[in-house]
C-alpha atoms as a PDB file:
ATOM      1  CA  MET A   1      36.210-104.274 -25.141  1.00  0.00           C
ATOM      2  CA  SER A   2      36.171-107.669 -27.106  1.00  0.00           C
ATOM      3  CA  GLY A   3      38.729-108.129 -29.861  1.00  0.00           C
ATOM      4  CA  LYS A   4      36.295-108.017 -33.066  1.00  0.00           C
ATOM      5  CA  VAL A   5      37.997-108.111 -36.353  1.00  0.00           C
ATOM      6  CA  TYR A   6      35.431-107.145 -39.070  1.00  0.00           C
ATOM      7  CA  THR A   7      36.918-108.908 -42.558  1.00  0.00           C
ATOM      8  CA  GLY A   8      35.816-107.947 -46.002  1.00  0.00           C
ATOM      9  CA  GLY A   9      36.019-110.068 -49.200  1.00  0.00           C
ATOM     10  CA  ARG A  10      34.756-110.786 -52.514  1.00  0.00           C
ATOM     11  CA  VAL A  11      33.429-114.179 -53.531  1.00  0.00           C
ATOM     12  CA  GLY A  12      33.738-114.957 -57.167  1.00  0.00           C
ATOM     13  CA  HIS A  13      34.248-112.635 -60.203  1.00  0.00           C
ATOM     14  CA  GLY A  14      32.230-110.298 -62.506  1.00  0.00           C
ATOM     15  CA  ARG A  15      28.710-110.044 -62.339  1.00  0.00           C
ATOM     16  CA  THR A  16      28.421-113.248 -60.022  1.00  0.00           C
ATOM     17  CA  SER A  17      30.977-111.850 -57.648  1.00  0.00           C
ATOM     18  CA  SER A  18      29.501-110.826 -53.776  1.00  0.00           C
ATOM     19  CA  VAL A  19      30.728-109.173 -50.861  1.00  0.00           C
ATOM     20  CA  VAL A  20      31.112-110.923 -47.259  1.00  0.00           C
ATOM     21  CA  VAL A  21      31.409-108.924 -44.136  1.00  0.00           C
ATOM     22  CA  GLU A  22      31.813-110.625 -40.804  1.00  0.00           C
ATOM     23  CA  VAL A  23      32.622-110.160 -37.843  1.00  0.00           C
ATOM     24  CA  VAL A  24      35.219-112.718 -35.832  1.00  0.00           C
ATOM     25  CA  GLU A  25      35.102-112.811 -32.030  1.00  0.00           C
ATOM     26  CA  ASP A  26      36.587-115.428 -29.530  1.00  0.00           C
ATOM     27  CA  GLY A  27      37.549-117.316 -33.079  1.00  0.00           C
ATOM     28  CA  MET A  28      33.963-117.170 -33.874  1.00  0.00           C
ATOM     29  CA  ALA A  29      32.459-115.778 -37.379  1.00  0.00           C
ATOM     30  CA  ARG A  30      29.007-114.065 -37.959  1.00  0.00           C
ATOM     31  CA  LEU A  31      27.851-111.897 -40.527  1.00  0.00           C
ATOM     32  CA  LEU A  32      27.446-107.855 -40.332  1.00  0.00           C
ATOM     33  CA  PRO A  33      24.284-107.130 -40.042  1.00  0.00           C
ATOM     34  CA  SER A  34      23.200-104.542 -42.741  1.00  0.00           C
ATOM     35  CA  ARG A  35      21.328-101.908 -40.063  1.00  0.00           C
ATOM     36  CA  LEU A  36      18.767-101.399 -43.144  1.00  0.00           C
ATOM     37  CA  ASP A  37      16.637-100.302 -40.194  1.00  0.00           C
ATOM     38  CA  LEU A  38      18.183 -97.197 -39.550  1.00  0.00           C
ATOM     39  CA  ARG A  39      18.843 -96.009 -43.042  1.00  0.00           C
ATOM     40  CA  GLU A  40      19.063 -97.691 -46.550  1.00  0.00           C
ATOM     41  CA  HIS A  41      21.660 -96.378 -48.512  1.00  0.00           C
ATOM     42  CA  SER A  42      22.063 -99.393 -50.217  1.00  0.00           C
ATOM     43  CA  VAL A  43      20.680-103.073 -49.211  1.00  0.00           C
ATOM     44  CA  ASN A  44      25.016-104.246 -49.833  1.00  0.00           C
ATOM     45  CA  LEU A  45      27.646-103.334 -48.019  1.00  0.00           C
ATOM     46  CA  GLU A  46      30.081-102.169 -50.176  1.00  0.00           C
ATOM     47  CA  TRP A  47      33.833-100.011 -49.301  1.00  0.00           C
ATOM     48  CA  GLY A  48      36.671 -98.617 -51.395  1.00  0.00           C
ATOM     49  CA  TYR A  49      34.609 -95.816 -53.023  1.00  0.00           C
ATOM     50  CA  GLY A  50      32.625 -93.071 -51.134  1.00  0.00           C
ATOM     51  CA  ILE A  51      28.922 -93.281 -51.658  1.00  0.00           C
ATOM     52  CA  GLY A  52      25.983 -96.287 -50.877  1.00  0.00           C
ATOM     53  CA  GLY A  53      27.313 -99.488 -49.961  1.00  0.00           C
ATOM     54  CA  PRO A  54      30.344 -97.429 -48.038  1.00  0.00           C
ATOM     55  CA  ALA A  55      27.776 -95.390 -46.386  1.00  0.00           C
ATOM     56  CA  GLN A  56      26.150 -98.730 -45.111  1.00  0.00           C
ATOM     57  CA  LEU A  57      29.347-100.394 -44.422  1.00  0.00           C
ATOM     58  CA  ALA A  58      30.336 -97.509 -42.109  1.00  0.00           C
ATOM     59  CA  LEU A  59      26.539 -97.074 -40.544  1.00  0.00           C
ATOM     60  CA  ALA A  60      27.141-101.160 -39.391  1.00  0.00           C
ATOM     61  CA  ILE A  61      30.280-101.145 -38.439  1.00  0.00           C
ATOM     62  CA  LEU A  62      29.706 -98.035 -35.639  1.00  0.00           C
ATOM     63  CA  ALA A  63      26.404 -99.778 -34.520  1.00  0.00           C
ATOM     64  CA  ASP A  64      28.062-102.638 -34.649  1.00  0.00           C
ATOM     65  CA  ALA A  65      31.199-101.773 -32.339  1.00  0.00           C
ATOM     66  CA  THR A  66      29.391 -98.737 -29.851  1.00  0.00           C
ATOM     67  CA  GLY A  67      26.354-100.868 -29.413  1.00  0.00           C
ATOM     68  CA  SER A  68      24.655 -96.800 -30.098  1.00  0.00           C
ATOM     69  CA  ASP A  69      22.480 -96.646 -33.176  1.00  0.00           C
ATOM     70  CA  ALA A  70      22.008 -93.020 -32.314  1.00  0.00           C
ATOM     71  CA  TYR A  71      25.718 -92.333 -32.132  1.00  0.00           C
ATOM     72  CA  ALA A  72      26.564 -94.541 -35.799  1.00  0.00           C
ATOM     73  CA  GLU A  73      23.543 -92.484 -37.415  1.00  0.00           C
ATOM     74  CA  ARG A  74      25.399 -89.123 -36.583  1.00  0.00           C
ATOM     75  CA  HIS A  75      29.023 -90.152 -37.300  1.00  0.00           C
ATOM     76  CA  TYR A  76      28.868 -92.606 -39.805  1.00  0.00           C
ATOM     77  CA  HIS A  77      29.475 -90.259 -43.019  1.00  0.00           C
ATOM     78  CA  TRP A  78      32.679 -89.534 -41.623  1.00  0.00           C
ATOM     79  CA  PHE A  79      33.620 -92.993 -41.066  1.00  0.00           C
ATOM     80  CA  LYS A  80      32.718 -93.869 -44.300  1.00  0.00           C
ATOM     81  CA  LEU A  81      35.046 -90.773 -45.965  1.00  0.00           C
ATOM     82  CA  ASP A  82      38.103 -91.656 -43.480  1.00  0.00           C
ATOM     83  CA  ILE A  83      38.140 -95.461 -43.242  1.00  0.00           C
ATOM     84  CA  VAL A  84      35.424 -97.672 -45.372  1.00  0.00           C
ATOM     85  CA  SER A  85      36.090 -95.727 -49.007  1.00  0.00           C
ATOM     86  CA  ARG A  86      39.503 -96.084 -48.482  1.00  0.00           C
ATOM     87  CA  LEU A  87      39.652-100.246 -47.570  1.00  0.00           C
ATOM     88  CA  PRO A  88      41.101-102.683 -50.012  1.00  0.00           C
ATOM     89  CA  TRP A  89      39.077-103.184 -52.549  1.00  0.00           C
ATOM     90  CA  ASP A  90      40.024-107.309 -53.132  1.00  0.00           C
ATOM     91  CA  GLY A  91      39.086-107.669 -48.875  1.00  0.00           C
ATOM     92  CA  TRP A  92      40.488-105.931 -45.656  1.00  0.00           C
ATOM     93  CA  GLU A  93      40.611-106.794 -42.009  1.00  0.00           C
ATOM     94  CA  LEU A  94      39.396-103.500 -39.530  1.00  0.00           C
ATOM     95  CA  PRO A  95      40.382-104.733 -36.017  1.00  0.00           C
ATOM     96  CA  GLU A  96      37.648-102.653 -33.335  1.00  0.00           C
ATOM     97  CA  ARG A  97      40.459-100.655 -31.737  1.00  0.00           C
ATOM     98  CA  GLN A  98      41.264 -99.071 -35.062  1.00  0.00           C
ATOM     99  CA  VAL A  99      36.953 -97.956 -34.882  1.00  0.00           C
ATOM    100  CA  TRP A 100      37.933 -97.304 -31.550  1.00  0.00           C
ATOM    101  CA  ASP A 101      40.538 -95.137 -32.503  1.00  0.00           C
ATOM    102  CA  TRP A 102      39.244 -93.251 -35.125  1.00  0.00           C
ATOM    103  CA  ILE A 103      36.283 -92.405 -32.476  1.00  0.00           C
ATOM    104  CA  ALA A 104      38.366 -91.716 -29.451  1.00  0.00           C
ATOM    105  CA  GLU A 105      40.340 -88.733 -32.197  1.00  0.00           C
ATOM    106  CA  HIS A 106      37.593 -87.193 -34.609  1.00  0.00           C
ATOM    107  CA  HIS A 107      34.405 -87.855 -32.449  1.00  0.00           C
ATOM    108  CA  PRO A 108      34.325 -89.568 -28.847  1.00  0.00           C
ATOM    109  CA  LEU A 109      31.558 -91.023 -27.526  1.00  0.00           C
ATOM    110  CA  ARG A 110      29.763 -89.235 -24.900  1.00  0.00           C
ATOM    111  CA  THR A 111      28.012 -91.156 -22.739  1.00  0.00           C
ATOM    112  CA  CYS A 112      24.519 -89.309 -21.063  1.00  0.00           C
END
């Protein structure tokens, strides 16, 4: 398992603000794909509340961390409620280890 860290922050203020969600791994950062190909709750990744953008972020994080689109689609709603909706509005860091701890505690990933 890698040492990824998911980070989210807001750039700008008010109507001109935008959201950036990155995955940092081995000192390199990349934007987190929103995974609109799986489901489209929102074109924006968001956090700190419980609908739309946070659902998209939960789906994207689970798909990225597990490498399983099917797992992400089955469990993102609970991950959104337990983790994403509680992330601080102004910015956050979520270590991949915390994602895997949530998976192990709530919805263990089963291999077929």
